[in-house]
Amino acid sequence: MSFHVISIIAIFSAAIIPLYISIRIKAGNKYGVRTLTIVLTLFIVIHGLYHLAELLGYHMLGEGFLEPLSVVILIVFGIIMIRILYPSSILTKKLRGGSR
């Protein structure tokens, strides 16, 4: 039980920084960074909600919905990061519908 309390405090505290960055960055040439910080904030918040659900005894909600959702969001974060860092990679071309 105390593990979830400590995790909730740490996780929601960690969400403050990317949330602040997401709000402060305006669209334009930094659109990719803003998108990354929004997805990272979403992952952190969903993961914190997972710990909150587990603490409150909602194991089906936590294990069955929030944990897989946080994994999917983390994978989306990785795909977005690859598209930003390596715009000419094979993965990026396939996602945009381009040819090899």
C-alpha atoms as a PDB file:
ATOM      1  CA  MET A   1       0.000   0.000   0.000  1.00  0.00           C
ATOM      2  CA  SER A   2       2.709   2.502   0.912  1.00  0.00           C
ATOM      3  CA  PHE A   3       4.429   1.696  -2.403  1.00  0.00           C
ATOM      4  CA  HIS A   4       1.435   3.034  -4.315  1.00  0.00           C
ATOM      5  CA  VAL A   5       1.221   6.185  -2.157  1.00  0.00           C
ATOM      6  CA  ILE A   6       4.891   6.987  -2.717  1.00  0.00           C
ATOM      7  CA  SER A   7       4.550   6.188  -6.424  1.00  0.00           C
ATOM      8  CA  ILE A   8       1.497   8.420  -6.815  1.00  0.00           C
ATOM      9  CA  ILE A   9       3.278  11.368  -5.185  1.00  0.00           C
ATOM     10  CA  ALA A  10       6.442  10.860  -7.237  1.00  0.00           C
ATOM     11  CA  ILE A  11       4.650  10.282 -10.528  1.00  0.00           C
ATOM     12  CA  PHE A  12       2.255  13.215 -10.302  1.00  0.00           C
ATOM     13  CA  SER A  13       5.142  15.437  -9.181  1.00  0.00           C
ATOM     14  CA  ALA A  14       7.126  14.299 -12.218  1.00  0.00           C
ATOM     15  CA  ALA A  15       4.226  15.223 -14.514  1.00  0.00           C
ATOM     16  CA  ILE A  16       4.488  18.899 -13.578  1.00  0.00           C
ATOM     17  CA  ILE A  17       7.635  19.602 -15.616  1.00  0.00           C
ATOM     18  CA  PRO A  18       6.532  18.202 -19.006  1.00  0.00           C
ATOM     19  CA  LEU A  19       3.085  19.737 -18.484  1.00  0.00           C
ATOM     20  CA  TYR A  20       4.694  23.135 -17.907  1.00  0.00           C
ATOM     21  CA  ILE A  21       6.895  22.698 -20.986  1.00  0.00           C
ATOM     22  CA  SER A  22       3.863  21.686 -23.076  1.00  0.00           C
ATOM     23  CA  ILE A  23       2.016  24.817 -22.053  1.00  0.00           C
ATOM     24  CA  ARG A  24       4.960  27.165 -22.574  1.00  0.00           C
ATOM     25  CA  ILE A  25       5.995  25.914 -26.024  1.00  0.00           C
ATOM     26  CA  LYS A  26       4.066  27.583 -28.795  1.00  0.00           C
ATOM     27  CA  ALA A  27       3.346  25.953 -32.138  1.00  0.00           C
ATOM     28  CA  GLY A  28       5.703  26.552 -35.000  1.00  0.00           C
ATOM     29  CA  ASN A  29       9.127  25.046 -35.464  1.00  0.00           C
ATOM     30  CA  LYS A  30       8.936  23.449 -31.993  1.00  0.00           C
ATOM     31  CA  TYR A  31       5.705  21.576 -32.734  1.00  0.00           C
ATOM     32  CA  GLY A  32       7.452  18.200 -32.506  1.00  0.00           C
ATOM     33  CA  VAL A  33       8.866  18.924 -29.063  1.00  0.00           C
ATOM     34  CA  ARG A  34       5.481  20.096 -27.867  1.00  0.00           C
ATOM     35  CA  THR A  35       3.837  16.932 -29.172  1.00  0.00           C
ATOM     36  CA  LEU A  36       6.453  14.810 -27.407  1.00  0.00           C
ATOM     37  CA  THR A  37       5.953  16.581 -24.082  1.00  0.00           C
ATOM     38  CA  ILE A  38       2.171  16.280 -24.338  1.00  0.00           C
ATOM     39  CA  VAL A  39       2.391  12.528 -25.002  1.00  0.00           C
ATOM     40  CA  LEU A  40       4.955  12.141 -22.192  1.00  0.00           C
ATOM     41  CA  THR A  41       2.682  14.029 -19.797  1.00  0.00           C
ATOM     42  CA  LEU A  42      -0.248  11.845 -20.837  1.00  0.00           C
ATOM     43  CA  PHE A  43       1.808   8.707 -20.166  1.00  0.00           C
ATOM     44  CA  ILE A  44       2.890   9.947 -16.737  1.00  0.00           C
ATOM     45  CA  VAL A  45      -0.653  10.898 -15.716  1.00  0.00           C
ATOM     46  CA  ILE A  46      -2.132   7.581 -16.919  1.00  0.00           C
ATOM     47  CA  HIS A  47       0.585   5.694 -15.058  1.00  0.00           C
ATOM     48  CA  GLY A  48      -0.188   7.702 -11.923  1.00  0.00           C
ATOM     49  CA  LEU A  49      -3.871   6.886 -12.313  1.00  0.00           C
ATOM     50  CA  TYR A  50      -2.905   3.222 -12.541  1.00  0.00           C
ATOM     51  CA  HIS A  51      -1.214   3.453  -9.131  1.00  0.00           C
ATOM     52  CA  LEU A  52      -4.183   5.360  -7.728  1.00  0.00           C
ATOM     53  CA  ALA A  53      -6.603   2.689  -8.969  1.00  0.00           C
ATOM     54  CA  GLU A  54      -4.442  -0.043  -7.450  1.00  0.00           C
ATOM     55  CA  LEU A  55      -4.271   1.835  -4.144  1.00  0.00           C
ATOM     56  CA  LEU A  56      -8.060   2.185  -4.033  1.00  0.00           C
ATOM     57  CA  GLY A  57      -8.550  -1.504  -4.844  1.00  0.00           C
ATOM     58  CA  TYR A  58      -9.752  -1.172  -8.428  1.00  0.00           C
ATOM     59  CA  HIS A  59      -7.459  -3.909  -9.711  1.00  0.00           C
ATOM     60  CA  MET A  60      -9.480  -4.618 -12.861  1.00  0.00           C
ATOM     61  CA  LEU A  61      -9.357  -0.953 -13.858  1.00  0.00           C
ATOM     62  CA  GLY A  62      -5.672  -0.687 -13.023  1.00  0.00           C
ATOM     63  CA  GLU A  63      -4.357  -3.951 -14.440  1.00  0.00           C
ATOM     64  CA  GLY A  64      -6.909  -4.406 -17.205  1.00  0.00           C
ATOM     65  CA  PHE A  65      -7.202  -0.906 -18.640  1.00  0.00           C
ATOM     66  CA  LEU A  66      -4.791   1.715 -17.294  1.00  0.00           C
ATOM     67  CA  GLU A  67      -1.601  -0.344 -17.398  1.00  0.00           C
ATOM     68  CA  PRO A  68      -2.060  -1.491 -21.031  1.00  0.00           C
ATOM     69  CA  LEU A  69      -3.126   2.041 -21.975  1.00  0.00           C
ATOM     70  CA  SER A  70       0.069   3.472 -20.494  1.00  0.00           C
ATOM     71  CA  VAL A  71       2.130   0.922 -22.445  1.00  0.00           C
ATOM     72  CA  VAL A  72       0.376   1.899 -25.700  1.00  0.00           C
ATOM     73  CA  ILE A  73       0.982   5.582 -24.998  1.00  0.00           C
ATOM     74  CA  LEU A  74       4.660   4.871 -24.295  1.00  0.00           C
ATOM     75  CA  ILE A  75       4.950   3.043 -27.635  1.00  0.00           C
ATOM     76  CA  VAL A  76       3.283   5.999 -29.391  1.00  0.00           C
ATOM     77  CA  PHE A  77       5.802   8.276 -27.654  1.00  0.00           C
ATOM     78  CA  GLY A  78       8.638   6.168 -29.085  1.00  0.00           C
ATOM     79  CA  ILE A  79       7.195   6.264 -32.598  1.00  0.00           C
ATOM     80  CA  ILE A  80       6.776  10.036 -32.452  1.00  0.00           C
ATOM     81  CA  MET A  81      10.329  10.408 -31.181  1.00  0.00           C
ATOM     82  CA  ILE A  82      11.686   8.282 -34.042  1.00  0.00           C
ATOM     83  CA  ARG A  83       9.719  10.377 -36.546  1.00  0.00           C
ATOM     84  CA  ILE A  84      11.174  13.580 -35.099  1.00  0.00           C
ATOM     85  CA  LEU A  85      14.779  12.439 -34.646  1.00  0.00           C
ATOM     86  CA  TYR A  86      15.038  10.415 -37.854  1.00  0.00           C
ATOM     87  CA  PRO A  87      12.648  11.936 -40.412  1.00  0.00           C
ATOM     88  CA  SER A  88      14.172   9.970 -43.305  1.00  0.00           C
ATOM     89  CA  SER A  89      14.088   6.549 -41.612  1.00  0.00           C
ATOM     90  CA  ILE A  90      12.254   3.565 -43.073  1.00  0.00           C
ATOM     91  CA  LEU A  91       9.694   3.606 -40.255  1.00  0.00           C
ATOM     92  CA  THR A  92       8.851   7.237 -40.950  1.00  0.00           C
ATOM     93  CA  LYS A  93       8.486   6.647 -44.684  1.00  0.00           C
ATOM     94  CA  LYS A  94       6.177   3.665 -44.133  1.00  0.00           C
ATOM     95  CA  LEU A  95       4.024   5.593 -41.661  1.00  0.00           C
ATOM     96  CA  ARG A  96       3.677   8.500 -44.093  1.00  0.00           C
ATOM     97  CA  GLY A  97       2.906   6.197 -46.999  1.00  0.00           C
ATOM     98  CA  GLY A  98       6.082   6.882 -48.939  1.00  0.00           C
ATOM     99  CA  SER A  99       8.126   4.448 -50.961  1.00  0.00           C
ATOM    100  CA  ARG A 100      11.457   2.962 -49.994  1.00  0.00           C
END
